[in-house]
Amino acid sequence: MTSEPRLKRRRFERLKRTNRYLREQIVHYRKMTVALALVAALLIGGLLYLSLDAPEPIPLGAGKAGVKGLDTTTVAAPAVPPAPEAAPAPPTERGRHAGEGEASYYGEELAGNHTASGERFDPGKLTAAHRTLPLGTRLRVTNTRNGQSVIVRVNDRGPFAKRRVLDVSKAAARRLGMLARGTAPVRIELLPS
């Protein structure tokens, strides 16, 4: 026969093991609950995103001038012939107001990279990057600080900085008088094609 103290010790050991097992199960279930809540939140967020009336997606370029860090070896450039360089418009040509904000420029370091239109970026041409306007759109960009303006053609997507509304080529930035500062407040007008 077993003595009573030995029996109590066995019961105590069994209770300890059961207690340890229950604590491990509680930790496990807590982790599972957090994981399931995360998955549910992601699913609900995805469904809400899909249910919104999203604007038509913007095609992004295949080079650094189009999207920073995109691997150009795996993305074929679209077969779109480059549009001819926009000729300077007569001073009387007026366009429709398309917004105001801060513009910046990108220069020599991106020369030769593919733009969203498929052509290669040339800092010597009068081109610009805009987030939503159709590629090929002609714009009159006016530096509101000094009154200088230039006509550019949208051939890329961007800018990707929050407060910027337009990225212009180095040649356009020179005509706008913004090379020294790097940015300028601008007014944008849509011109007829």
Protein backbone atom coordinates (compact mmCIF):
# COMPACT_ATOMS: atom_id res chain seq x y z
CA MET A 1 0.00 0.00 0.00
CA THR A 2 1.05 3.47 -0.66
CA SER A 3 1.29 5.91 2.09
CA GLU A 4 -0.82 9.00 2.18
CA PRO A 5 2.07 11.53 1.79
CA ARG A 6 3.25 9.69 -1.34
CA LEU A 7 -0.29 9.79 -2.78
CA LYS A 8 -0.56 13.52 -2.08
CA ARG A 9 2.79 14.10 -3.78
CA ARG A 10 1.66 12.19 -6.90
CA ARG A 11 -1.56 14.20 -7.04
CA PHE A 12 0.42 17.40 -6.59
CA GLU A 13 2.81 16.44 -9.44
CA ARG A 14 -0.12 15.55 -11.68
CA LEU A 15 -1.78 18.92 -10.91
CA LYS A 16 1.49 20.73 -11.68
CA ARG A 17 1.77 18.98 -15.06
CA THR A 18 -1.87 19.72 -15.85
CA ASN A 19 -1.42 23.34 -14.80
CA ARG A 20 1.69 23.72 -17.01
CA TYR A 21 -0.15 22.13 -19.94
CA LEU A 22 -3.14 24.48 -19.50
CA ARG A 23 -0.86 27.54 -19.35
CA GLU A 24 0.82 26.45 -22.60
CA GLN A 25 -2.58 25.97 -24.23
CA ILE A 26 -3.73 29.42 -23.13
CA VAL A 27 -0.61 31.02 -24.65
CA HIS A 28 -1.14 29.02 -27.84
CA TYR A 29 -4.80 30.08 -28.13
CA ARG A 30 -3.92 33.72 -27.50
CA LYS A 31 -1.40 33.62 -30.36
CA MET A 32 -3.96 31.97 -32.63
CA THR A 33 -6.59 34.59 -31.72
CA VAL A 34 -4.21 37.44 -32.58
CA ALA A 35 -3.28 35.77 -35.88
CA LEU A 36 -6.92 35.21 -36.81
CA ALA A 37 -7.82 38.81 -35.93
CA LEU A 38 -5.00 40.03 -38.18
CA VAL A 39 -6.15 37.86 -41.08
CA ALA A 40 -9.74 39.02 -40.61
CA ALA A 41 -8.65 42.66 -40.58
CA LEU A 42 -6.66 42.17 -43.79
CA LEU A 43 -9.59 40.45 -45.50
CA ILE A 44 -12.05 43.13 -44.45
CA GLY A 45 -9.65 45.87 -45.54
CA GLY A 46 -9.17 44.17 -48.91
CA LEU A 47 -12.90 43.82 -49.43
CA LEU A 48 -13.46 47.47 -48.54
CA TYR A 49 -10.70 48.52 -50.91
CA LEU A 50 -12.18 46.46 -53.74
CA SER A 51 -15.67 47.80 -53.11
CA LEU A 52 -14.57 51.44 -53.44
CA ASP A 53 -14.89 53.11 -56.80
CA ALA A 54 -11.19 53.16 -57.56
CA PRO A 55 -9.96 55.35 -60.41
CA GLU A 56 -8.53 53.69 -63.48
CA PRO A 57 -5.05 52.36 -62.65
CA ILE A 58 -2.10 54.35 -63.91
CA PRO A 59 0.45 52.38 -65.93
CA LEU A 60 3.89 52.78 -64.42
CA GLY A 61 7.13 53.07 -66.33
CA ALA A 62 9.72 50.37 -66.68
CA GLY A 63 12.74 52.39 -65.61
CA LYS A 64 14.04 54.47 -62.76
CA ALA A 65 12.52 57.56 -64.35
CA GLY A 66 9.14 55.83 -64.08
CA VAL A 67 9.26 53.84 -60.85
CA LYS A 68 12.17 53.77 -58.46
CA GLY A 69 13.65 50.33 -57.98
CA LEU A 70 11.67 48.49 -60.68
CA ASP A 71 13.77 45.79 -62.34
CA THR A 72 13.99 46.80 -66.02
CA THR A 73 15.32 43.42 -67.15
CA THR A 74 11.98 41.70 -66.60
CA VAL A 75 9.62 44.40 -67.87
CA ALA A 76 9.30 44.95 -71.58
CA ALA A 77 8.71 48.53 -72.66
CA PRO A 78 5.36 49.08 -74.36
CA ALA A 79 5.47 49.40 -78.13
CA VAL A 80 4.45 53.04 -78.18
CA PRO A 81 6.31 55.30 -80.59
CA PRO A 82 7.60 58.44 -78.90
CA ALA A 83 5.51 61.50 -79.59
CA PRO A 84 7.22 64.43 -81.28
CA GLU A 85 8.64 67.12 -79.04
CA ALA A 86 6.04 69.73 -78.16
CA ALA A 87 6.56 72.94 -80.11
CA PRO A 88 6.38 76.17 -78.16
CA ALA A 89 2.82 77.48 -78.20
CA PRO A 90 2.03 81.00 -79.23
CA PRO A 91 1.72 83.31 -76.21
CA THR A 92 -2.01 83.79 -76.85
CA GLU A 93 -2.81 80.06 -76.52
CA ARG A 94 -4.68 79.56 -73.26
CA GLY A 95 -5.38 76.31 -71.53
CA ARG A 96 -7.75 74.98 -68.94
CA HIS A 97 -6.60 75.30 -65.32
CA ALA A 98 -5.36 71.88 -64.10
CA GLY A 99 -4.02 72.70 -60.65
CA GLU A 100 -1.30 74.31 -58.62
CA GLY A 101 1.39 73.00 -56.34
CA GLU A 102 5.08 72.35 -56.02
CA ALA A 103 7.15 71.05 -58.94
CA SER A 104 10.58 69.48 -58.89
CA TYR A 105 12.89 68.27 -61.63
CA TYR A 106 14.91 65.20 -62.40
CA GLY A 107 18.08 65.43 -64.40
CA GLU A 108 21.12 63.69 -65.80
CA GLU A 109 21.17 60.72 -63.39
CA LEU A 110 18.05 59.21 -65.01
CA ALA A 111 18.99 59.88 -68.66
CA GLY A 112 18.30 56.88 -70.89
CA ASN A 113 15.90 55.11 -68.52
CA HIS A 114 12.49 54.07 -69.84
CA THR A 115 9.57 56.32 -68.98
CA ALA A 116 5.94 55.24 -68.57
CA SER A 117 5.28 56.07 -72.23
CA GLY A 118 8.02 53.67 -73.32
CA GLU A 119 10.42 56.28 -74.62
CA ARG A 120 13.79 56.89 -73.02
CA PHE A 121 14.13 59.85 -70.69
CA ASP A 122 16.09 62.76 -72.18
CA PRO A 123 16.78 65.64 -69.74
CA GLY A 124 17.25 67.96 -72.72
CA LYS A 125 13.63 67.60 -73.89
CA LEU A 126 10.66 69.51 -72.52
CA THR A 127 8.85 66.67 -70.77
CA ALA A 128 7.17 66.08 -67.43
CA ALA A 129 5.87 63.38 -65.10
CA HIS A 130 2.34 63.60 -63.69
CA ARG A 131 0.44 61.05 -61.59
CA THR A 132 -2.89 60.96 -63.45
CA LEU A 133 -2.95 63.02 -66.66
CA PRO A 134 -2.92 60.95 -69.86
CA LEU A 135 0.47 60.37 -71.45
CA GLY A 136 1.06 62.78 -74.32
CA THR A 137 -0.91 65.61 -72.68
CA ARG A 138 0.55 69.06 -73.33
CA LEU A 139 0.80 71.39 -70.33
CA ARG A 140 1.76 74.99 -69.80
CA VAL A 141 3.68 75.15 -66.52
CA THR A 142 4.16 78.59 -64.98
CA ASN A 143 6.52 79.31 -62.09
CA THR A 144 4.34 81.52 -59.86
CA ARG A 145 7.42 82.85 -58.08
CA ASN A 146 8.97 84.49 -61.17
CA GLY A 147 6.26 84.28 -63.89
CA GLN A 148 8.35 82.18 -66.31
CA SER A 149 6.50 79.45 -68.19
CA VAL A 150 7.21 76.49 -70.45
CA ILE A 151 5.14 74.00 -72.44
CA VAL A 152 5.89 70.36 -71.66
CA ARG A 153 4.54 66.97 -72.71
CA VAL A 154 3.58 64.35 -70.09
CA ASN A 155 5.57 61.18 -70.83
CA ASP A 156 6.05 59.65 -67.37
CA ARG A 157 4.37 58.99 -64.02
CA GLY A 158 5.29 60.75 -60.82
CA PRO A 159 6.29 62.59 -58.74
CA PHE A 160 6.29 60.22 -55.81
CA ALA A 161 7.01 62.83 -53.14
CA LYS A 162 3.83 63.69 -51.19
CA ARG A 163 3.57 67.46 -51.72
CA ARG A 164 4.73 67.55 -55.34
CA VAL A 165 2.33 67.75 -58.28
CA LEU A 166 4.77 67.63 -61.20
CA ASP A 167 8.30 66.52 -62.09
CA VAL A 168 9.81 68.33 -65.07
CA SER A 169 12.92 67.58 -67.11
CA LYS A 170 16.10 69.58 -66.53
CA ALA A 171 15.55 71.60 -69.73
CA ALA A 172 12.04 72.58 -68.57
CA ALA A 173 13.37 73.42 -65.09
CA ARG A 174 15.98 75.72 -66.69
CA ARG A 175 13.24 77.59 -68.58
CA LEU A 176 11.20 77.87 -65.40
CA GLY A 177 14.19 79.30 -63.50
CA MET A 178 14.10 76.63 -60.81
CA LEU A 179 17.48 74.90 -61.22
CA ALA A 180 19.09 76.64 -58.25
CA ARG A 181 16.33 75.83 -55.74
CA GLY A 182 15.32 72.46 -57.18
CA THR A 183 11.61 73.09 -56.62
CA ALA A 184 9.16 75.86 -57.46
CA PRO A 185 5.49 76.69 -56.90
CA VAL A 186 3.72 76.21 -60.26
CA ARG A 187 0.37 76.68 -61.97
CA ILE A 188 -0.55 73.98 -64.52
CA GLU A 189 -2.78 74.50 -67.57
CA LEU A 190 -4.00 71.80 -69.97
CA LEU A 191 -3.41 72.74 -73.60
CA PRO A 192 -5.30 71.40 -76.61
CA SER A 193 -3.41 68.70 -78.52
